Amino acid sequence: MAPIPGSGLAKGLAVTLRTMTKKSVTAQYPDAQPDLPPRTRGVIGLFEENCTVCMLCARECPDWCIYIDSHKETVPAATPGGRERSRNVLDRFAIDFSLCMYCGICIEVCPFDALFWSPEFEYAETDIRDLTHERDKLREWMWTVPAPPALDPGAEEPKELATARKTADKLAARQAPPATEPHADEQARAAERPTRPQGDSKQQTDQPKPDQPTPDQPTPDQPKPDQPTPGQEGRE
């Protein structure tokens, strides 16, 4: 069936009329803050304690807007005769948000969870040089990072939590004093005593002792039945 001429134009005008009759709603920003989703890419926060100065975020950044400076320090041996170790100490961690394109690669590649997204976006400046946030400013953004969403009730426990719980249980077991039960020494002695098998108990009780003669065996003082007594030899 061929369409009616002018039906498309009528549908378009109907949509326009419906939109014109609706009341427009304007978000009164900044008086009314927008309701942002929790995973909004606003600004990047730094958790300095987790940073190991691996430089992975700076190498993977496509805009080269991350600047990191560090130095090495010697850590003394933890045990006598041990070997000294060296570690990297963070001196500077800065992000130039005038160059950042908010791709999130630095957050994804960080192996130690030192970088996080914050939904805060109100950090505009009149001077472009002020958009380079040093590590102190990045640390302040960490207080605005929302908590991670709750896990599915049927999901497995994260491996990190399971490993930490096992380690804590092992340390608690080592530090706890051994529990002593009453009469533990007597139970240990009873366990060390040799037990007699149940099947051999009757045979061992029926067998005569080596020193006790059998009924058919004469005693040393009693003469044998076939041997005559000393008086019988003379009489014969």
C-alpha atoms as a PDB file:
ATOM      1  CA  MET A   1       0.000   0.000   0.000  1.00  0.00           C
ATOM      2  CA  ALA A   2       1.483   3.320  -1.047  1.00  0.00           C
ATOM      3  CA  PRO A   3       1.983   5.902   1.728  1.00  0.00           C
ATOM      4  CA  ILE A   4      -0.292   8.887   1.790  1.00  0.00           C
ATOM      5  CA  PRO A   5       1.380  11.946   0.337  1.00  0.00           C
ATOM      6  CA  GLY A   6       2.494  14.341   3.067  1.00  0.00           C
ATOM      7  CA  SER A   7       2.271  11.770   5.952  1.00  0.00           C
ATOM      8  CA  GLY A   8       5.959  12.152   6.811  1.00  0.00           C
ATOM      9  CA  LEU A   9       5.640  15.910   7.024  1.00  0.00           C
ATOM     10  CA  ALA A  10       2.601  15.573   9.290  1.00  0.00           C
ATOM     11  CA  LYS A  11       4.487  13.230  11.680  1.00  0.00           C
ATOM     12  CA  GLY A  12       7.395  15.644  11.895  1.00  0.00           C
ATOM     13  CA  LEU A  13       5.148  18.590  12.658  1.00  0.00           C
ATOM     14  CA  ALA A  14       3.377  16.536  15.351  1.00  0.00           C
ATOM     15  CA  VAL A  15       6.692  15.883  17.111  1.00  0.00           C
ATOM     16  CA  THR A  16       7.539  19.579  16.909  1.00  0.00           C
ATOM     17  CA  LEU A  17       4.185  20.590  18.379  1.00  0.00           C
ATOM     18  CA  ARG A  18       4.523  18.127  21.283  1.00  0.00           C
ATOM     19  CA  THR A  19       7.985  19.445  22.108  1.00  0.00           C
ATOM     20  CA  MET A  20       6.855  23.071  21.959  1.00  0.00           C
ATOM     21  CA  THR A  21       4.036  22.499  24.424  1.00  0.00           C
ATOM     22  CA  LYS A  22       6.283  20.856  27.057  1.00  0.00           C
ATOM     23  CA  LYS A  23       7.844  22.968  29.781  1.00  0.00           C
ATOM     24  CA  SER A  24      11.614  23.224  29.536  1.00  0.00           C
ATOM     25  CA  VAL A  25      13.671  22.178  32.559  1.00  0.00           C
ATOM     26  CA  THR A  26      16.982  23.920  33.112  1.00  0.00           C
ATOM     27  CA  ALA A  27      19.530  22.691  35.643  1.00  0.00           C
ATOM     28  CA  GLN A  28      20.291  25.704  37.819  1.00  0.00           C
ATOM     29  CA  TYR A  29      24.045  25.098  38.035  1.00  0.00           C
ATOM     30  CA  PRO A  30      25.989  25.926  40.216  1.00  0.00           C
ATOM     31  CA  ASP A  31      23.165  26.364  42.712  1.00  0.00           C
ATOM     32  CA  ALA A  32      21.918  22.846  41.966  1.00  0.00           C
ATOM     33  CA  GLN A  33      24.665  20.272  41.624  1.00  0.00           C
ATOM     34  CA  PRO A  34      24.184  17.659  38.913  1.00  0.00           C
ATOM     35  CA  ASP A  35      23.535  14.069  39.882  1.00  0.00           C
ATOM     36  CA  LEU A  36      26.585  12.375  38.384  1.00  0.00           C
ATOM     37  CA  PRO A  37      27.041   8.619  38.007  1.00  0.00           C
ATOM     38  CA  PRO A  38      29.597   7.076  40.379  1.00  0.00           C
ATOM     39  CA  ARG A  39      32.052   6.252  37.580  1.00  0.00           C
ATOM     40  CA  THR A  40      32.239   9.800  36.244  1.00  0.00           C
ATOM     41  CA  ARG A  41      35.681  10.759  34.939  1.00  0.00           C
ATOM     42  CA  GLY A  42      36.200  14.060  36.662  1.00  0.00           C
ATOM     43  CA  VAL A  43      39.713  14.281  38.048  1.00  0.00           C
ATOM     44  CA  ILE A  44      42.429  11.788  39.028  1.00  0.00           C
ATOM     45  CA  GLY A  45      43.405  11.241  42.657  1.00  0.00           C
ATOM     46  CA  LEU A  46      46.729   9.815  43.868  1.00  0.00           C
ATOM     47  CA  PHE A  47      47.103   7.392  46.779  1.00  0.00           C
ATOM     48  CA  GLU A  48      50.778   8.024  47.414  1.00  0.00           C
ATOM     49  CA  GLU A  49      51.330   5.109  49.802  1.00  0.00           C
ATOM     50  CA  ASN A  50      50.639   2.589  47.021  1.00  0.00           C
ATOM     51  CA  CYS A  51      52.933   4.199  44.447  1.00  0.00           C
ATOM     52  CA  THR A  52      56.177   2.287  43.856  1.00  0.00           C
ATOM     53  CA  VAL A  53      57.543   4.675  41.188  1.00  0.00           C
ATOM     54  CA  CYS A  54      57.358   1.970  38.532  1.00  0.00           C
ATOM     55  CA  MET A  55      56.819   4.705  35.879  1.00  0.00           C
ATOM     56  CA  LEU A  56      54.281   2.534  34.094  1.00  0.00           C
ATOM     57  CA  CYS A  57      51.575   5.222  34.086  1.00  0.00           C
ATOM     58  CA  ALA A  58      53.953   7.851  32.695  1.00  0.00           C
ATOM     59  CA  ARG A  59      55.183   5.543  29.921  1.00  0.00           C
ATOM     60  CA  GLU A  60      51.678   4.482  28.860  1.00  0.00           C
ATOM     61  CA  CYS A  61      50.161   7.979  28.891  1.00  0.00           C
ATOM     62  CA  PRO A  62      49.466   8.952  25.231  1.00  0.00           C
ATOM     63  CA  ASP A  63      49.644  12.688  26.037  1.00  0.00           C
ATOM     64  CA  TRP A  64      52.759  12.551  28.229  1.00  0.00           C
ATOM     65  CA  CYS A  65      51.017  14.661  30.872  1.00  0.00           C
ATOM     66  CA  ILE A  66      52.337  12.736  33.923  1.00  0.00           C
ATOM     67  CA  TYR A  67      55.603  13.891  35.488  1.00  0.00           C
ATOM     68  CA  ILE A  68      57.393  11.689  38.057  1.00  0.00           C
ATOM     69  CA  ASP A  69      60.684  12.288  39.853  1.00  0.00           C
ATOM     70  CA  SER A  70      62.260   9.905  42.366  1.00  0.00           C
ATOM     71  CA  HIS A  71      65.509   8.847  43.986  1.00  0.00           C
ATOM     72  CA  LYS A  72      66.879   5.629  45.457  1.00  0.00           C
ATOM     73  CA  GLU A  73      67.475   4.973  49.135  1.00  0.00           C
ATOM     74  CA  THR A  74      69.330   2.102  50.787  1.00  0.00           C
ATOM     75  CA  VAL A  75      67.303   0.062  53.232  1.00  0.00           C
ATOM     76  CA  PRO A  76      69.381  -1.654  55.945  1.00  0.00           C
ATOM     77  CA  ALA A  77      69.166  -5.409  56.341  1.00  0.00           C
ATOM     78  CA  ALA A  78      66.264  -6.632  58.416  1.00  0.00           C
ATOM     79  CA  THR A  79      68.276  -9.507  59.935  1.00  0.00           C
ATOM     80  CA  PRO A  80      71.922  -9.696  61.036  1.00  0.00           C
ATOM     81  CA  GLY A  81      74.100 -10.745  58.149  1.00  0.00           C
ATOM     82  CA  GLY A  82      71.405  -9.921  55.594  1.00  0.00           C
ATOM     83  CA  ARG A  83      71.857  -7.947  52.427  1.00  0.00           C
ATOM     84  CA  GLU A  84      70.961  -4.289  52.091  1.00  0.00           C
ATOM     85  CA  ARG A  85      68.243  -3.370  49.632  1.00  0.00           C
ATOM     86  CA  SER A  86      67.428  -0.259  47.648  1.00  0.00           C
ATOM     87  CA  ARG A  87      63.986   1.237  47.048  1.00  0.00           C
ATOM     88  CA  ASN A  88      62.563   4.103  45.021  1.00  0.00           C
ATOM     89  CA  VAL A  89      61.301   7.151  46.918  1.00  0.00           C
ATOM     90  CA  LEU A  90      58.784   9.429  45.246  1.00  0.00           C
ATOM     91  CA  ASP A  91      59.854  13.086  44.977  1.00  0.00           C
ATOM     92  CA  ARG A  92      57.291  14.449  42.543  1.00  0.00           C
ATOM     93  CA  PHE A  93      54.072  13.201  40.968  1.00  0.00           C
ATOM     94  CA  ALA A  94      52.191  15.729  38.854  1.00  0.00           C
ATOM     95  CA  ILE A  95      49.441  15.557  36.215  1.00  0.00           C
ATOM     96  CA  ASP A  96      48.875  18.339  33.700  1.00  0.00           C
ATOM     97  CA  PHE A  97      45.096  18.365  33.209  1.00  0.00           C
ATOM     98  CA  SER A  98      45.398  20.908  30.389  1.00  0.00           C
ATOM     99  CA  LEU A  99      46.870  18.058  28.315  1.00  0.00           C
ATOM    100  CA  CYS A 100      44.994  15.118  29.831  1.00  0.00           C
ATOM    101  CA  MET A 101      42.296  13.648  27.581  1.00  0.00           C
ATOM    102  CA  TYR A 102      40.750  11.549  30.393  1.00  0.00           C
ATOM    103  CA  CYS A 103      41.317   8.221  28.668  1.00  0.00           C
ATOM    104  CA  GLY A 104      41.942   6.426  31.981  1.00  0.00           C
ATOM    105  CA  ILE A 105      44.900   4.392  30.704  1.00  0.00           C
ATOM    106  CA  CYS A 106      47.093   5.432  33.636  1.00  0.00           C
ATOM    107  CA  ILE A 107      44.476   4.169  36.105  1.00  0.00           C
ATOM    108  CA  GLU A 108      44.015   0.889  34.266  1.00  0.00           C
ATOM    109  CA  VAL A 109      47.724   0.037  33.948  1.00  0.00           C
ATOM    110  CA  CYS A 110      48.675   0.924  37.540  1.00  0.00           C
ATOM    111  CA  PRO A 111      49.490  -2.478  39.112  1.00  0.00           C
ATOM    112  CA  PHE A 112      49.306  -1.214  42.709  1.00  0.00           C
ATOM    113  CA  ASP A 113      46.035   0.797  42.692  1.00  0.00           C
ATOM    114  CA  ALA A 114      47.634   4.186  43.269  1.00  0.00           C
ATOM    115  CA  LEU A 115      45.404   6.193  40.877  1.00  0.00           C
ATOM    116  CA  PHE A 116      41.620   6.581  41.104  1.00  0.00           C
ATOM    117  CA  TRP A 117      38.860   8.454  39.320  1.00  0.00           C
ATOM    118  CA  SER A 118      37.029  11.163  41.230  1.00  0.00           C
ATOM    119  CA  PRO A 119      33.708  12.604  40.002  1.00  0.00           C
ATOM    120  CA  GLU A 120      34.810  16.135  40.924  1.00  0.00           C
ATOM    121  CA  PHE A 121      35.053  18.416  37.892  1.00  0.00           C
ATOM    122  CA  GLU A 122      35.088  21.921  39.386  1.00  0.00           C
ATOM    123  CA  TYR A 123      38.770  22.732  39.116  1.00  0.00           C
ATOM    124  CA  ALA A 124      38.779  25.298  36.313  1.00  0.00           C
ATOM    125  CA  GLU A 125      41.510  27.919  36.500  1.00  0.00           C
ATOM    126  CA  THR A 126      42.116  31.291  34.902  1.00  0.00           C
ATOM    127  CA  ASP A 127      45.779  30.420  34.397  1.00  0.00           C
ATOM    128  CA  ILE A 128      46.605  27.310  32.428  1.00  0.00           C
ATOM    129  CA  ARG A 129      49.706  26.707  34.532  1.00  0.00           C
ATOM    130  CA  ASP A 130      47.504  26.109  37.568  1.00  0.00           C
ATOM    131  CA  LEU A 131      46.010  23.027  35.889  1.00  0.00           C
ATOM    132  CA  THR A 132      49.185  21.079  36.683  1.00  0.00           C
ATOM    133  CA  HIS A 133      48.297  19.389  39.970  1.00  0.00           C
ATOM    134  CA  GLU A 134      51.193  18.270  42.147  1.00  0.00           C
ATOM    135  CA  ARG A 135      51.055  15.248  44.437  1.00  0.00           C
ATOM    136  CA  ASP A 136      49.692  17.243  47.403  1.00  0.00           C
ATOM    137  CA  LYS A 137      46.751  18.415  45.299  1.00  0.00           C
ATOM    138  CA  LEU A 138      46.260  14.926  43.863  1.00  0.00           C
ATOM    139  CA  ARG A 139      46.200  13.552  47.402  1.00  0.00           C
ATOM    140  CA  GLU A 140      43.368  15.938  48.291  1.00  0.00           C
ATOM    141  CA  TRP A 141      41.300  14.567  45.422  1.00  0.00           C
ATOM    142  CA  MET A 142      41.470  11.128  47.047  1.00  0.00           C
ATOM    143  CA  TRP A 143      38.991  12.275  49.708  1.00  0.00           C
ATOM    144  CA  THR A 144      36.378  12.745  46.963  1.00  0.00           C
ATOM    145  CA  VAL A 145      36.774   9.285  45.450  1.00  0.00           C
ATOM    146  CA  PRO A 146      33.545   7.312  46.027  1.00  0.00           C
ATOM    147  CA  ALA A 147      33.611   3.896  47.659  1.00  0.00           C
ATOM    148  CA  PRO A 148      33.643   0.920  45.281  1.00  0.00           C
ATOM    149  CA  PRO A 149      30.269  -0.668  44.579  1.00  0.00           C
ATOM    150  CA  ALA A 150      29.237  -3.653  46.650  1.00  0.00           C
ATOM    151  CA  LEU A 151      30.021  -7.084  45.287  1.00  0.00           C
ATOM    152  CA  ASP A 152      27.394  -9.505  44.127  1.00  0.00           C
ATOM    153  CA  PRO A 153      26.227 -11.612  47.113  1.00  0.00           C
ATOM    154  CA  GLY A 154      26.918 -14.771  45.124  1.00  0.00           C
ATOM    155  CA  ALA A 155      30.367 -13.677  43.939  1.00  0.00           C
ATOM    156  CA  GLU A 156      33.546 -15.325  45.127  1.00  0.00           C
ATOM    157  CA  GLU A 157      35.689 -13.650  47.733  1.00  0.00           C
ATOM    158  CA  PRO A 158      38.546 -11.612  46.239  1.00  0.00           C
ATOM    159  CA  LYS A 159      41.873 -13.419  46.258  1.00  0.00           C
ATOM    160  CA  GLU A 160      43.541 -10.554  48.110  1.00  0.00           C
ATOM    161  CA  LEU A 161      41.120 -10.825  51.036  1.00  0.00           C
ATOM    162  CA  ALA A 162      41.353 -14.630  51.134  1.00  0.00           C
ATOM    163  CA  THR A 163      45.171 -14.520  51.151  1.00  0.00           C
ATOM    164  CA  ALA A 164      45.233 -11.823  53.843  1.00  0.00           C
ATOM    165  CA  ARG A 165      42.803 -13.798  56.013  1.00  0.00           C
ATOM    166  CA  LYS A 166      44.880 -16.991  55.711  1.00  0.00           C
ATOM    167  CA  THR A 167      48.051 -15.108  56.624  1.00  0.00           C
ATOM    168  CA  ALA A 168      46.366 -13.531  59.647  1.00  0.00           C
ATOM    169  CA  ASP A 169      45.092 -16.930  60.802  1.00  0.00           C
ATOM    170  CA  LYS A 170      48.579 -18.432  60.525  1.00  0.00           C
ATOM    171  CA  LEU A 171      50.130 -15.606  62.537  1.00  0.00           C
ATOM    172  CA  ALA A 172      47.432 -15.904  65.191  1.00  0.00           C
ATOM    173  CA  ALA A 173      47.998 -19.655  65.420  1.00  0.00           C
ATOM    174  CA  ARG A 174      51.754 -19.157  65.883  1.00  0.00           C
ATOM    175  CA  GLN A 175      51.348 -16.498  68.556  1.00  0.00           C
ATOM    176  CA  ALA A 176      48.650 -18.361  70.511  1.00  0.00           C
ATOM    177  CA  PRO A 177      50.026 -20.548  73.390  1.00  0.00           C
ATOM    178  CA  PRO A 178      49.509 -24.293  72.956  1.00  0.00           C
ATOM    179  CA  ALA A 179      46.354 -25.502  74.675  1.00  0.00           C
ATOM    180  CA  THR A 180      47.145 -28.147  77.373  1.00  0.00           C
ATOM    181  CA  GLU A 181      44.390 -30.595  78.209  1.00  0.00           C
ATOM    182  CA  PRO A 182      44.148 -32.231  81.700  1.00  0.00           C
ATOM    183  CA  HIS A 183      45.908 -35.556  82.069  1.00  0.00           C
ATOM    184  CA  ALA A 184      47.704 -34.988  78.797  1.00  0.00           C
ATOM    185  CA  ASP A 185      50.819 -36.786  80.101  1.00  0.00           C
ATOM    186  CA  GLU A 186      48.801 -39.844  81.068  1.00  0.00           C
ATOM    187  CA  GLN A 187      47.140 -39.957  77.667  1.00  0.00           C
ATOM    188  CA  ALA A 188      50.519 -39.720  75.970  1.00  0.00           C
ATOM    189  CA  ARG A 189      51.901 -42.609  78.051  1.00  0.00           C
ATOM    190  CA  ALA A 190      48.850 -44.728  77.316  1.00  0.00           C
ATOM    191  CA  ALA A 191      49.299 -44.103  73.616  1.00  0.00           C
ATOM    192  CA  GLU A 192      52.951 -45.226  73.778  1.00  0.00           C
ATOM    193  CA  ARG A 193      52.141 -48.550  75.507  1.00  0.00           C
ATOM    194  CA  PRO A 194      52.010 -51.533  73.122  1.00  0.00           C
ATOM    195  CA  THR A 195      48.504 -52.821  72.652  1.00  0.00           C
ATOM    196  CA  ARG A 196      47.744 -56.549  72.434  1.00  0.00           C
ATOM    197  CA  PRO A 197      45.726 -57.669  69.424  1.00  0.00           C
ATOM    198  CA  GLN A 198      42.248 -58.885  70.251  1.00  0.00           C
ATOM    199  CA  GLY A 199      42.600 -62.124  68.246  1.00  0.00           C
ATOM    200  CA  ASP A 200      45.790 -63.240  70.032  1.00  0.00           C
ATOM    201  CA  SER A 201      44.633 -62.526  73.580  1.00  0.00           C
ATOM    202  CA  LYS A 202      42.928 -65.911  74.051  1.00  0.00           C
ATOM    203  CA  GLN A 203      45.805 -67.908  72.571  1.00  0.00           C
ATOM    204  CA  GLN A 204      48.326 -66.159  74.754  1.00  0.00           C
ATOM    205  CA  THR A 205      46.295 -66.873  77.901  1.00  0.00           C
ATOM    206  CA  ASP A 206      45.919 -70.589  77.016  1.00  0.00           C
ATOM    207  CA  GLN A 207      49.590 -71.088  76.263  1.00  0.00           C
ATOM    208  CA  PRO A 208      51.669 -72.056  79.336  1.00  0.00           C
ATOM    209  CA  LYS A 209      54.461 -69.945  80.500  1.00  0.00           C
ATOM    210  CA  PRO A 210      57.998 -71.134  79.719  1.00  0.00           C
ATOM    211  CA  ASP A 211      58.730 -71.904  83.415  1.00  0.00           C
ATOM    212  CA  GLN A 212      55.437 -73.773  83.971  1.00  0.00           C
ATOM    213  CA  PRO A 213      55.528 -77.447  82.769  1.00  0.00           C
ATOM    214  CA  THR A 214      52.706 -79.001  80.818  1.00  0.00           C
ATOM    215  CA  PRO A 215      50.522 -81.788  82.356  1.00  0.00           C
ATOM    216  CA  ASP A 216      52.311 -84.519  80.344  1.00  0.00           C
ATOM    217  CA  GLN A 217      55.768 -83.245  81.138  1.00  0.00           C
ATOM    218  CA  PRO A 218      57.139 -84.483  84.511  1.00  0.00           C
ATOM    219  CA  THR A 219      58.810 -82.199  86.927  1.00  0.00           C
ATOM    220  CA  PRO A 220      62.538 -82.540  87.547  1.00  0.00           C
ATOM    221  CA  ASP A 221      61.915 -84.254  90.919  1.00  0.00           C
ATOM    222  CA  GLN A 222      59.307 -86.689  89.547  1.00  0.00           C
ATOM    223  CA  PRO A 223      60.723 -89.790  87.742  1.00  0.00           C
ATOM    224  CA  LYS A 224      59.630 -90.611  84.255  1.00  0.00           C
ATOM    225  CA  PRO A 225      57.036 -93.386  83.820  1.00  0.00           C
ATOM    226  CA  ASP A 226      59.376 -95.698  81.858  1.00  0.00           C
ATOM    227  CA  GLN A 227      62.336 -95.414  84.267  1.00  0.00           C
ATOM    228  CA  PRO A 228      62.169 -97.589  87.419  1.00  0.00           C
ATOM    229  CA  THR A 229      62.878 -96.205  90.778  1.00  0.00           C
ATOM    230  CA  PRO A 230      66.194 -97.094  92.578  1.00  0.00           C
ATOM    231  CA  GLY A 231      64.414 -99.678  94.784  1.00  0.00           C
ATOM    232  CA  GLN A 232      62.751-101.430  91.875  1.00  0.00           C
ATOM    233  CA  GLU A 233      66.081-102.103  90.113  1.00  0.00           C
ATOM    234  CA  GLY A 234      67.439-104.107  93.053  1.00  0.00           C
ATOM    235  CA  ARG A 235      64.217-106.056  93.433  1.00  0.00           C
ATOM    236  CA  GLU A 236      64.222-107.136  89.817  1.00  0.00           C
END
